[in-house]
Amino acid sequence: MAEILGGLALVMIAATAVLGALLAMHYEGQQRELLARALGAEAVSSPAAPNMLPDTLWWRVDPGGTAHERVPLSGIIDGESLALAEDARKTGAALLRLGPPWGDARFALPLGRDAAILVARLPMASLPGGGAAPRLVVLAILAADAAIFIAFGASLLRARLVLPLRRLAAAARALADGVPNVRAPVGGARETAEVAVAFNEMTAALAARSEALEKAVADLRHANREVGEAQAGLARAERLAAVGRLAAGVAHEVGNPMGALLAFLDLAGRDPGLSDASRGHLSRAGAQVERVRRILRQMLDFSRPGQHELVSFDLGAVMEDTAGLLRAQAGRRQILLETRREAAVPPALGDPGAVSQILLNLGLNAVDAVEGVPAPRIELLLRPAALRARSGEGPEQAASRGRLDGVECVVSDNGPGVAEQDRERVFDPFFTTKPPGQGTGLGLSNARHLAEELGGTLELASNGPGAHFVLRLPGAGCATGCAVRTRVRGEAAGEAPAAESESQA
């Protein structure tokens, strides 16, 4: 604004100065003409007549250059007046020479009779309107004109140009700082208003593109998550297929010899001539062979598709029955085992026998996990759940969204928990952290397999100390979807039933 005002003020001052100069030249021409007439009339008048212009000094200059007073008290003629008289003698015409505002005006008139020259000197201040005062007035008017112009121009520029530009700059800085939905006020001159409108259109386009980009990023993250889950499911399916083939081979190669071995051990145990020690050895041998057969059955149960009849049942009752079975072992080891419900729990949909097997497996693992822990404690918690909860969403968030469509039972303990490096492998077949001979690594794998066959899930939660396994089952209202999922899993399982029948043969 200062630059614009400075430039406009210089233009205005120059234009005013040119106008003043033109007016001064016009005034000076008129003044010269009037003064020449007045001095000419006074020169031809009688010397004794009073001067028409006060304070005028007159001299008569002879051809020899000698000056005589024509009016008393004129004094000695000055050099400039003599020079003007000489110029008038040479030209033979009257001459008028105006001096500066603070100087004198001089007039020379040739007399044709005797070639004498009449010379007059008149102070400029004695002239009407002469002197420096009129020019000072002109300068004052010029300064006032510039001040008024600058004040009016500053007000106009500030209202029509500067303030709209400042608002536009503030909106641009807010946009750079990440403030959403920034809009610049439209106002001022037409050009600044057009700039503000263009800025608002740009911010609207940027907001739309940012929203589209955020949606694309969210969709990409969701797609990546689904791809990761699909890859994990594919890897797990490959492992399950390998276990199925392994189970079929082991059942075929080992199952029948184990049956024959058990039969021979039973026959040997019936020999009346055996000592008690020998009978004990045979009994322990039979128990070990039975253990091998049990492992084979677990492998077959893991690999074969389930044939479960899905019914509506009370998961709380199954939980209490399982807790009653676990309290026998928990009581001997002085383990506190509690059951708890949260709010009203709807009926679950599934196979009560398979669910009891899952909970019993989780409970036995918890009993082993709290071995040697001070104040060992196991809890079975029943509560409503979202069967397909979003990532990071708990029951409270799902309830607030109205997405509770299932029930869950959480089996937790205050043991050392699952190591971070083992969390991804805890459901893998044959993975176990127990000492050799105390676990096959098929319990959790078989439990998750059963849960998925029932249309539910079995997960390892990450909250709190200890281990927290969550069995989530669909509610009784989603029978159709669960039946479809179970049928699809059964059709995709493949060769496990044939392997089982072959081993049992």
Protein backbone atom coordinates (compact mmCIF):
# COMPACT_ATOMS: atom_id res chain seq x y z
CA MET A 1 0.00 0.00 0.00
CA ALA A 2 2.85 2.41 0.81
CA GLU A 3 4.47 1.74 -2.54
CA ILE A 4 1.24 2.31 -4.44
CA LEU A 5 0.43 5.47 -2.46
CA GLY A 6 3.95 6.81 -2.93
CA GLY A 7 3.81 6.29 -6.68
CA LEU A 8 0.36 7.83 -7.00
CA ALA A 9 1.39 10.78 -4.81
CA LEU A 10 4.41 11.48 -7.02
CA VAL A 11 2.20 11.37 -10.13
CA MET A 12 -0.35 13.67 -8.48
CA ILE A 13 2.33 16.15 -7.31
CA ALA A 14 3.93 16.23 -10.75
CA ALA A 15 0.58 16.80 -12.43
CA THR A 16 -0.34 19.53 -9.96
CA ALA A 17 3.07 21.17 -10.41
CA VAL A 18 2.64 21.21 -14.19
CA LEU A 19 -0.83 22.72 -13.79
CA GLY A 20 0.55 25.30 -11.34
CA ALA A 21 3.36 26.19 -13.76
CA LEU A 22 0.88 26.68 -16.58
CA LEU A 23 -1.29 28.87 -14.37
CA ALA A 24 1.78 30.83 -13.24
CA MET A 25 2.87 31.39 -16.83
CA HIS A 26 -0.58 32.60 -17.73
CA TYR A 27 -0.66 34.89 -14.71
CA GLU A 28 2.82 36.18 -15.46
CA GLY A 29 1.82 36.99 -19.06
CA GLN A 30 -1.17 38.95 -17.89
CA GLN A 31 0.93 40.65 -15.23
CA ARG A 32 3.61 41.51 -17.79
CA GLU A 33 1.05 43.06 -20.15
CA LEU A 34 -0.64 45.12 -17.44
CA LEU A 35 2.65 46.23 -15.96
CA ALA A 36 3.99 47.26 -19.37
CA ARG A 37 0.89 49.34 -20.03
CA ALA A 38 1.01 50.97 -16.64
CA LEU A 39 4.71 51.81 -16.80
CA GLY A 40 4.34 53.04 -20.41
CA ALA A 41 1.51 55.36 -19.42
CA GLU A 42 3.50 56.63 -16.44
CA ALA A 43 6.58 57.22 -18.65
CA VAL A 44 4.75 59.52 -21.05
CA SER A 45 3.04 61.41 -18.24
CA SER A 46 4.46 64.51 -16.62
CA PRO A 47 7.29 63.89 -14.20
CA ALA A 48 5.51 66.07 -11.67
CA ALA A 49 2.40 63.88 -11.81
CA PRO A 50 2.05 61.35 -9.01
CA ASN A 51 3.27 57.81 -9.75
CA MET A 52 0.59 55.39 -10.79
CA LEU A 53 2.61 52.56 -9.20
CA PRO A 54 4.01 53.50 -5.76
CA ASP A 55 7.70 52.97 -4.99
CA THR A 56 8.65 53.19 -8.73
CA LEU A 57 12.09 54.71 -9.36
CA TRP A 58 12.62 56.53 -12.66
CA TRP A 59 15.78 57.61 -14.51
CA ARG A 60 16.50 59.29 -17.83
CA VAL A 61 19.55 57.85 -19.58
CA ASP A 62 21.27 60.00 -22.18
CA PRO A 63 22.79 58.52 -25.33
CA GLY A 64 26.13 58.82 -23.64
CA GLY A 65 25.00 56.51 -20.87
CA THR A 66 24.55 59.19 -18.19
CA ALA A 67 21.50 58.65 -15.95
CA HIS A 68 19.49 61.46 -14.33
CA GLU A 69 16.77 61.18 -11.74
CA ARG A 70 13.37 61.68 -13.28
CA VAL A 71 11.66 61.29 -9.95
CA PRO A 72 13.19 62.71 -6.80
CA LEU A 73 14.83 60.29 -4.41
CA SER A 74 15.38 57.75 -7.16
CA GLY A 75 19.04 57.61 -6.26
CA ILE A 76 21.82 56.23 -8.40
CA ILE A 77 20.79 53.92 -11.15
CA ASP A 78 21.93 50.29 -10.81
CA GLY A 79 23.84 48.33 -13.36
CA GLU A 80 20.98 46.01 -14.42
CA SER A 81 18.81 49.03 -15.17
CA LEU A 82 21.62 50.57 -17.29
CA ALA A 83 22.05 47.29 -19.17
CA LEU A 84 18.29 47.16 -19.86
CA ALA A 85 18.45 50.78 -21.18
CA GLU A 86 21.26 49.83 -23.50
CA ASP A 87 19.27 46.85 -24.81
CA ALA A 88 16.25 49.10 -25.41
CA ARG A 89 18.42 51.62 -27.31
CA LYS A 90 19.73 48.83 -29.55
CA THR A 91 16.34 47.32 -30.26
CA GLY A 92 14.44 50.58 -30.37
CA ALA A 93 11.53 48.96 -28.49
CA ALA A 94 10.21 49.04 -24.96
CA LEU A 95 11.51 46.22 -22.77
CA LEU A 96 10.06 44.75 -19.56
CA ARG A 97 12.11 42.41 -17.43
CA LEU A 98 10.47 40.71 -14.42
CA GLY A 99 12.67 39.53 -11.62
CA PRO A 100 12.11 36.82 -9.00
CA PRO A 101 9.30 37.21 -6.46
CA TRP A 102 11.74 38.77 -4.00
CA GLY A 103 13.46 40.98 -6.67
CA ASP A 104 12.55 44.02 -8.80
CA ALA A 105 10.86 44.54 -12.14
CA ARG A 106 12.60 46.82 -14.68
CA PHE A 107 11.17 48.77 -17.62
CA ALA A 108 12.99 50.66 -20.42
CA LEU A 109 11.27 52.88 -23.02
CA PRO A 110 13.24 54.59 -25.88
CA LEU A 111 12.32 58.24 -26.60
CA GLY A 112 12.48 58.87 -30.30
CA ARG A 113 13.16 62.62 -30.16
CA ASP A 114 16.55 62.74 -28.50
CA ALA A 115 17.35 59.02 -28.30
CA ALA A 116 17.13 59.11 -24.51
CA ILE A 117 15.88 56.09 -22.59
CA LEU A 118 13.46 56.20 -19.70
CA VAL A 119 14.24 53.46 -17.18
CA ALA A 120 12.02 52.40 -14.25
CA ARG A 121 12.66 49.95 -11.38
CA LEU A 122 9.75 48.62 -9.38
CA PRO A 123 9.98 46.14 -6.46
CA MET A 124 7.84 43.03 -7.24
CA ALA A 125 6.41 43.12 -3.74
CA SER A 126 4.84 46.50 -4.55
CA LEU A 127 2.82 45.05 -7.39
CA PRO A 128 -0.79 43.99 -6.78
CA GLY A 129 -0.61 40.26 -6.05
CA GLY A 130 3.14 40.29 -6.33
CA GLY A 131 5.81 38.93 -3.99
CA ALA A 132 6.31 35.54 -2.52
CA ALA A 133 3.00 35.30 -0.70
CA PRO A 134 0.94 34.10 -3.68
CA ARG A 135 3.50 31.46 -4.52
CA LEU A 136 3.61 30.26 -0.94
CA VAL A 137 -0.15 30.01 -1.03
CA VAL A 138 0.14 27.92 -4.17
CA LEU A 139 2.69 25.63 -2.47
CA ALA A 140 0.43 25.28 0.58
CA ILE A 141 -2.52 24.37 -1.64
CA LEU A 142 -0.32 21.85 -3.44
CA ALA A 143 0.74 20.24 -0.11
CA ALA A 144 -2.85 20.13 1.13
CA ASP A 145 -3.93 18.59 -2.14
CA ALA A 146 -1.29 15.85 -1.80
CA ALA A 147 -2.24 15.16 1.84
CA ILE A 148 -5.94 14.87 1.02
CA PHE A 149 -5.17 12.63 -1.95
CA ILE A 150 -2.91 10.35 0.10
CA ALA A 151 -5.46 10.05 2.94
CA PHE A 152 -8.33 9.30 0.57
CA GLY A 153 -6.21 6.92 -1.49
CA ALA A 154 -5.01 5.08 1.62
CA SER A 155 -8.58 4.62 2.87
CA LEU A 156 -9.78 3.45 -0.52
CA LEU A 157 -6.85 1.09 -1.07
CA ARG A 158 -7.18 -0.37 2.42
CA ALA A 159 -10.89 -1.06 2.04
CA ARG A 160 -10.88 -2.26 -1.56
CA LEU A 161 -7.50 -3.95 -1.98
CA VAL A 162 -5.31 -4.35 1.11
CA LEU A 163 -7.83 -5.86 3.56
CA PRO A 164 -9.21 -8.41 1.02
CA LEU A 165 -5.63 -9.44 0.18
CA ARG A 166 -4.76 -9.81 3.88
CA ARG A 167 -7.83 -12.00 4.42
CA LEU A 168 -6.85 -14.09 1.41
CA ALA A 169 -3.28 -14.43 2.76
CA ALA A 170 -4.63 -15.49 6.19
CA ALA A 171 -6.83 -18.13 4.54
CA ALA A 172 -3.84 -19.41 2.55
CA ARG A 173 -1.72 -19.69 5.74
CA ALA A 174 -4.57 -21.54 7.50
CA LEU A 175 -4.77 -23.94 4.56
CA ALA A 176 -1.01 -24.50 4.75
CA ASP A 177 -1.35 -25.25 8.51
CA GLY A 178 -3.86 -28.00 7.74
CA VAL A 179 -7.07 -26.25 8.83
CA PRO A 180 -9.95 -28.03 7.04
CA ASN A 181 -12.66 -26.29 5.01
CA VAL A 182 -10.87 -22.93 4.78
CA ARG A 183 -12.84 -20.26 2.92
CA ALA A 184 -11.67 -16.75 1.99
CA PRO A 185 -14.26 -13.92 2.25
CA VAL A 186 -15.25 -12.60 -1.15
CA GLY A 187 -15.05 -8.80 -1.28
CA GLY A 188 -13.13 -5.77 -2.43
CA ALA A 189 -12.40 -4.90 -6.02
CA ARG A 190 -13.57 -7.17 -8.81
CA GLU A 191 -10.13 -8.69 -9.35
CA THR A 192 -9.60 -9.47 -5.64
CA ALA A 193 -13.10 -10.93 -5.43
CA GLU A 194 -12.32 -13.16 -8.42
CA VAL A 195 -9.09 -14.29 -6.70
CA ALA A 196 -11.05 -15.12 -3.52
CA VAL A 197 -13.63 -17.10 -5.50
CA ALA A 198 -10.85 -19.00 -7.30
CA PHE A 199 -9.16 -19.70 -3.93
CA ASN A 200 -12.41 -21.08 -2.49
CA GLU A 201 -12.89 -23.29 -5.55
CA MET A 202 -9.31 -24.55 -5.15
CA THR A 203 -9.80 -25.36 -1.44
CA ALA A 204 -13.06 -27.17 -2.20
CA ALA A 205 -11.31 -29.22 -4.89
CA LEU A 206 -8.41 -29.97 -2.51
CA ALA A 207 -10.84 -31.05 0.22
CA ALA A 208 -12.66 -33.36 -2.19
CA ARG A 209 -9.39 -34.85 -3.40
CA SER A 210 -8.10 -35.25 0.17
CA GLU A 211 -11.30 -37.03 1.16
CA ALA A 212 -11.05 -39.30 -1.86
CA LEU A 213 -7.39 -39.97 -1.07
CA GLU A 214 -8.17 -40.79 2.57
CA LYS A 215 -10.92 -43.15 1.43
CA ALA A 216 -8.55 -44.78 -1.05
CA VAL A 217 -5.90 -45.17 1.68
CA ALA A 218 -8.48 -46.70 4.04
CA ASP A 219 -9.66 -49.07 1.31
CA LEU A 220 -6.04 -49.99 0.56
CA ARG A 221 -5.33 -50.70 4.21
CA HIS A 222 -8.49 -52.80 4.44
CA ALA A 223 -7.49 -54.67 1.28
CA ASN A 224 -3.97 -55.23 2.62
CA ARG A 225 -5.41 -56.53 5.87
CA GLU A 226 -7.70 -58.89 4.00
CA VAL A 227 -4.80 -60.05 1.83
CA GLY A 228 -2.74 -60.70 4.95
CA GLU A 229 -5.58 -62.64 6.53
CA ALA A 230 -6.06 -64.60 3.32
CA GLN A 231 -2.36 -65.39 3.17
CA ALA A 232 -2.39 -66.50 6.81
CA GLY A 233 -5.46 -68.63 6.14
CA LEU A 234 -3.84 -70.14 3.08
CA ALA A 235 -0.68 -70.97 5.01
CA ARG A 236 -2.73 -72.51 7.78
CA ALA A 237 -4.79 -74.48 5.25
CA GLU A 238 -1.58 -75.80 3.74
CA ARG A 239 -0.38 -76.87 7.19
CA LEU A 240 -3.71 -78.52 7.90
CA ALA A 241 -3.55 -80.37 4.59
CA ALA A 242 -0.06 -81.56 5.47
CA VAL A 243 -1.30 -82.73 8.86
CA GLY A 244 -4.20 -84.53 7.19
CA ARG A 245 -1.87 -86.37 4.86
CA LEU A 246 0.45 -87.14 7.78
CA ALA A 247 -2.47 -88.42 9.87
CA ALA A 248 -3.67 -90.67 7.06
CA GLY A 249 -0.21 -92.11 6.57
CA VAL A 250 0.44 -92.62 10.27
CA ALA A 251 -3.00 -94.15 10.81
CA HIS A 252 -2.46 -96.60 7.99
CA GLU A 253 1.09 -97.57 8.93
CA VAL A 254 0.79 -97.52 12.72
CA GLY A 255 -2.88 -97.98 13.54
CA ASN A 256 -3.26 -101.64 12.63
CA PRO A 257 0.04 -102.75 14.27
CA MET A 258 -0.98 -100.89 17.42
CA GLY A 259 -4.29 -102.77 17.46
CA ALA A 260 -2.53 -106.10 17.04
CA LEU A 261 -0.03 -105.17 19.76
CA LEU A 262 -2.84 -104.35 22.17
CA ALA A 263 -4.49 -107.68 21.40
CA PHE A 264 -1.24 -109.59 22.08
CA LEU A 265 -0.68 -107.66 25.30
CA ASP A 266 -4.20 -108.51 26.42
CA LEU A 267 -3.65 -112.18 25.64
CA ALA A 268 -0.32 -112.17 27.44
CA GLY A 269 -1.93 -110.54 30.45
CA ARG A 270 -4.41 -113.41 30.74
CA ASP A 271 -1.62 -115.98 31.34
CA PRO A 272 -2.23 -117.27 34.90
CA GLY A 273 1.43 -118.04 35.34
CA LEU A 274 2.54 -114.41 35.19
CA SER A 275 3.84 -112.73 38.26
CA ASP A 276 2.38 -109.51 39.56
CA ALA A 277 5.45 -107.60 38.37
CA SER A 278 5.07 -108.99 34.88
CA ARG A 279 1.40 -108.10 34.85
CA GLY A 280 2.32 -104.58 35.91
CA HIS A 281 4.82 -104.31 33.08
CA LEU A 282 2.23 -105.54 30.60
CA SER A 283 -0.32 -103.10 31.96
CA ARG A 284 2.08 -100.15 31.59
CA ALA A 285 2.96 -101.32 28.09
CA GLY A 286 -0.73 -101.47 27.22
CA ALA A 287 -1.21 -97.93 28.63
CA GLN A 288 1.60 -96.60 26.42
CA VAL A 289 0.18 -98.33 23.35
CA GLU A 290 -3.22 -96.84 24.21
CA ARG A 291 -1.56 -93.46 24.46
CA VAL A 292 -0.18 -93.89 20.95
CA ARG A 293 -3.65 -94.80 19.71
CA ARG A 294 -5.06 -91.72 21.46
CA ILE A 295 -2.54 -89.50 19.69
CA LEU A 296 -3.54 -91.10 16.40
CA ARG A 297 -7.20 -90.38 17.15
CA GLN A 298 -6.35 -86.73 17.93
CA MET A 299 -4.55 -86.44 14.61
CA LEU A 300 -7.54 -87.95 12.82
CA ASP A 301 -9.96 -85.71 14.71
CA PHE A 302 -7.84 -82.72 13.70
CA SER A 303 -7.71 -83.59 10.02
CA ARG A 304 -11.23 -84.86 9.37
CA PRO A 305 -14.21 -82.57 8.70
CA GLY A 306 -16.61 -82.28 11.60
CA GLN A 307 -20.15 -83.59 11.43
CA HIS A 308 -21.82 -81.46 14.09
CA GLU A 309 -25.50 -80.89 14.64
CA LEU A 310 -25.93 -77.19 15.40
CA VAL A 311 -28.53 -76.52 18.06
CA SER A 312 -29.44 -73.63 20.32
CA PHE A 313 -28.00 -74.21 23.79
CA ASP A 314 -27.02 -72.39 26.97
CA LEU A 315 -23.30 -71.74 26.82
CA GLY A 316 -23.38 -70.79 30.50
CA ALA A 317 -24.58 -74.26 31.48
CA VAL A 318 -21.80 -75.88 29.43
CA MET A 319 -19.31 -73.52 31.06
CA GLU A 320 -20.50 -74.48 34.54
CA ASP A 321 -20.33 -78.21 33.71
CA THR A 322 -16.77 -77.81 32.40
CA ALA A 323 -15.81 -75.82 35.49
CA GLY A 324 -17.17 -78.69 37.65
CA LEU A 325 -14.89 -81.12 35.80
CA LEU A 326 -11.89 -78.83 36.21
CA ARG A 327 -12.43 -78.15 39.92
CA ALA A 328 -11.33 -81.69 40.78
CA GLN A 329 -7.81 -81.08 39.47
CA ALA A 330 -7.81 -77.41 40.48
CA GLY A 331 -8.73 -78.28 44.06
CA ARG A 332 -5.86 -80.75 44.43
CA ARG A 333 -3.42 -78.08 43.29
CA GLN A 334 -5.07 -75.33 45.37
CA ILE A 335 -6.05 -73.33 42.29
CA LEU A 336 -8.93 -70.84 42.62
CA LEU A 337 -11.37 -71.45 39.75
CA GLU A 338 -14.23 -68.96 39.24
CA THR A 339 -17.04 -68.50 36.73
CA ARG A 340 -18.65 -65.16 35.97
CA ARG A 341 -21.31 -63.74 33.67
CA GLU A 342 -21.63 -60.24 32.24
CA ALA A 343 -25.18 -59.00 31.64
CA ALA A 344 -27.77 -61.18 29.92
CA VAL A 345 -26.28 -63.69 27.51
CA PRO A 346 -28.42 -65.00 24.64
CA PRO A 347 -28.42 -68.69 23.66
CA ALA A 348 -25.52 -69.86 21.52
CA LEU A 349 -25.67 -71.93 18.36
CA GLY A 350 -23.39 -74.97 18.11
CA ASP A 351 -22.65 -78.47 19.31
CA PRO A 352 -22.61 -78.58 23.15
CA GLY A 353 -20.34 -81.63 23.18
CA ALA A 354 -17.74 -80.02 20.93
CA VAL A 355 -17.93 -76.77 22.93
CA SER A 356 -17.40 -78.71 26.16
CA GLN A 357 -14.35 -80.37 24.59
CA ILE A 358 -12.91 -76.97 23.63
CA LEU A 359 -13.47 -75.44 27.07
CA LEU A 360 -12.06 -78.51 28.81
CA ASN A 361 -8.93 -78.33 26.65
CA LEU A 362 -8.48 -74.62 27.44
CA GLY A 363 -9.11 -75.22 31.14
CA LEU A 364 -6.57 -78.06 31.39
CA ASN A 365 -4.00 -75.89 29.65
CA ALA A 366 -4.73 -73.12 32.18
CA VAL A 367 -4.30 -75.57 35.07
CA ASP A 368 -0.88 -76.53 33.72
CA ALA A 369 0.04 -72.87 33.09
CA VAL A 370 -0.53 -71.71 36.72
CA GLU A 371 1.54 -74.55 38.17
CA GLY A 372 3.97 -72.99 40.65
CA VAL A 373 2.45 -69.47 40.43
CA PRO A 374 1.70 -67.70 43.76
CA ALA A 375 -2.08 -67.53 44.37
CA PRO A 376 -2.98 -69.38 41.15
CA ARG A 377 -6.29 -68.36 39.67
CA ILE A 378 -8.41 -69.37 36.65
CA GLU A 379 -11.55 -67.57 35.49
CA LEU A 380 -14.24 -68.51 32.96
CA LEU A 381 -16.11 -65.38 31.84
CA LEU A 382 -19.32 -65.46 29.75
CA ARG A 383 -20.58 -62.35 27.94
CA PRO A 384 -22.28 -61.16 24.73
CA ALA A 385 -19.98 -60.62 21.77
CA ALA A 386 -19.71 -59.46 18.19
CA LEU A 387 -19.06 -62.56 16.11
CA ARG A 388 -17.22 -60.57 13.43
CA ALA A 389 -15.79 -57.70 15.48
CA ARG A 390 -13.61 -55.13 13.78
CA SER A 391 -9.89 -54.97 14.46
CA GLY A 392 -9.28 -53.43 17.89
CA GLU A 393 -13.01 -53.34 18.75
CA GLY A 394 -14.14 -54.85 22.04
CA PRO A 395 -17.61 -55.86 23.29
CA GLU A 396 -18.30 -52.33 24.55
CA GLN A 397 -17.56 -50.74 21.17
CA ALA A 398 -19.53 -53.45 19.37
CA ALA A 399 -22.47 -52.94 21.75
CA SER A 400 -22.43 -49.20 21.08
CA ARG A 401 -22.68 -49.96 17.35
CA GLY A 402 -25.47 -52.50 17.90
CA ARG A 403 -23.35 -55.31 16.38
CA LEU A 404 -23.62 -57.98 19.14
CA ASP A 405 -24.59 -61.17 17.30
CA GLY A 406 -22.92 -63.89 19.35
CA VAL A 407 -21.63 -65.01 22.76
CA GLU A 408 -18.13 -65.68 24.00
CA CYS A 409 -16.42 -67.48 26.84
CA VAL A 410 -13.05 -66.17 27.98
CA VAL A 411 -10.74 -68.65 29.75
CA SER A 412 -8.02 -66.65 31.52
CA ASP A 413 -5.33 -67.40 34.08
CA ASN A 414 -2.67 -65.50 36.00
CA GLY A 415 0.19 -67.63 34.74
CA PRO A 416 3.25 -66.46 32.79
CA GLY A 417 1.18 -66.11 29.60
CA VAL A 418 2.29 -66.83 26.06
CA ALA A 419 5.65 -65.46 24.95
CA GLU A 420 5.52 -62.82 22.23
CA GLN A 421 7.53 -64.95 19.82
CA ASP A 422 5.10 -67.87 20.32
CA ARG A 423 1.81 -65.97 19.83
CA GLU A 424 1.72 -66.52 16.07
CA ARG A 425 2.45 -70.26 16.41
CA VAL A 426 0.39 -71.20 19.44
CA PHE A 427 -2.41 -72.68 17.27
CA ASP A 428 -0.06 -74.46 14.88
CA PRO A 429 -0.27 -78.27 14.84
CA PHE A 430 2.36 -80.04 16.96
CA PHE A 431 3.57 -76.78 18.51
CA THR A 432 3.88 -76.99 22.29
CA THR A 433 5.87 -75.31 25.04
CA LYS A 434 5.48 -78.25 27.42
CA PRO A 435 8.39 -80.58 28.16
CA PRO A 436 8.80 -83.63 25.90
CA GLY A 437 6.33 -86.38 26.68
CA GLN A 438 3.77 -84.01 28.31
CA GLY A 439 2.07 -82.56 25.25
CA THR A 440 1.45 -83.36 21.60
CA GLY A 441 0.82 -79.80 20.37
CA LEU A 442 -2.58 -80.79 18.93
CA GLY A 443 -4.88 -79.57 21.70
CA LEU A 444 -5.17 -75.89 20.75
CA SER A 445 -5.08 -76.68 17.04
CA ASN A 446 -7.92 -79.16 17.43
CA ALA A 447 -9.85 -76.70 19.63
CA ARG A 448 -9.61 -73.89 17.06
CA HIS A 449 -10.55 -76.36 14.31
CA LEU A 450 -13.68 -77.36 16.23
CA ALA A 451 -14.58 -73.69 16.90
CA GLU A 452 -14.35 -72.84 13.22
CA GLU A 453 -16.44 -75.89 12.29
CA LEU A 454 -19.13 -74.52 14.61
CA GLY A 455 -19.03 -71.16 12.81
CA GLY A 456 -17.12 -69.43 15.60
CA THR A 457 -13.56 -68.44 16.44
CA LEU A 458 -10.91 -69.20 19.03
CA GLU A 459 -8.36 -66.45 19.61
CA LEU A 460 -5.59 -65.51 21.99
CA ALA A 461 -6.37 -62.10 23.45
CA SER A 462 -3.57 -59.65 24.17
CA ASN A 463 -4.94 -57.71 27.13
CA GLY A 464 -3.64 -58.10 30.66
CA PRO A 465 -1.12 -60.50 32.24
CA GLY A 466 -1.39 -64.24 31.87
CA ALA A 467 -3.13 -66.02 29.01
CA HIS A 468 -6.63 -65.10 27.76
CA PHE A 469 -8.23 -67.46 25.25
CA VAL A 470 -11.56 -66.29 23.79
CA LEU A 471 -14.04 -68.81 22.38
CA ARG A 472 -16.61 -66.89 20.33
CA LEU A 473 -19.76 -68.61 19.01
CA PRO A 474 -22.67 -67.29 16.95
CA GLY A 475 -25.95 -66.53 18.61
CA ALA A 476 -29.00 -68.66 18.00
CA GLY A 477 -30.26 -66.15 15.46
CA CYS A 478 -27.64 -66.89 12.75
CA ALA A 479 -28.36 -70.56 12.10
CA THR A 480 -28.43 -70.22 8.31
CA GLY A 481 -25.04 -68.55 7.97
CA CYS A 482 -23.38 -70.97 10.35
CA ALA A 483 -24.80 -74.00 8.53
CA VAL A 484 -23.47 -72.68 5.25
CA ARG A 485 -19.99 -72.11 6.70
CA THR A 486 -19.96 -75.61 8.24
CA ARG A 487 -21.03 -77.25 4.96
CA VAL A 488 -18.38 -75.37 2.99
CA ARG A 489 -15.66 -76.38 5.43
CA GLY A 490 -16.81 -80.00 5.27
CA GLU A 491 -16.72 -80.05 1.48
CA ALA A 492 -13.26 -78.46 1.44
CA ALA A 493 -11.68 -80.91 3.92
CA GLY A 494 -11.07 -83.62 1.31
CA GLU A 495 -9.44 -86.93 2.13
CA ALA A 496 -9.53 -87.20 5.94
CA PRO A 497 -12.62 -89.48 6.26
CA ALA A 498 -11.08 -92.11 3.97
CA ALA A 499 -7.88 -92.03 5.98
CA GLU A 500 -9.79 -92.57 9.19
CA SER A 501 -11.74 -95.55 7.87
CA GLU A 502 -8.59 -97.04 6.48
CA SER A 503 -6.82 -96.79 9.81
CA GLN A 504 -9.72 -98.25 11.70
CA ALA A 505 -9.86 -101.16 9.26
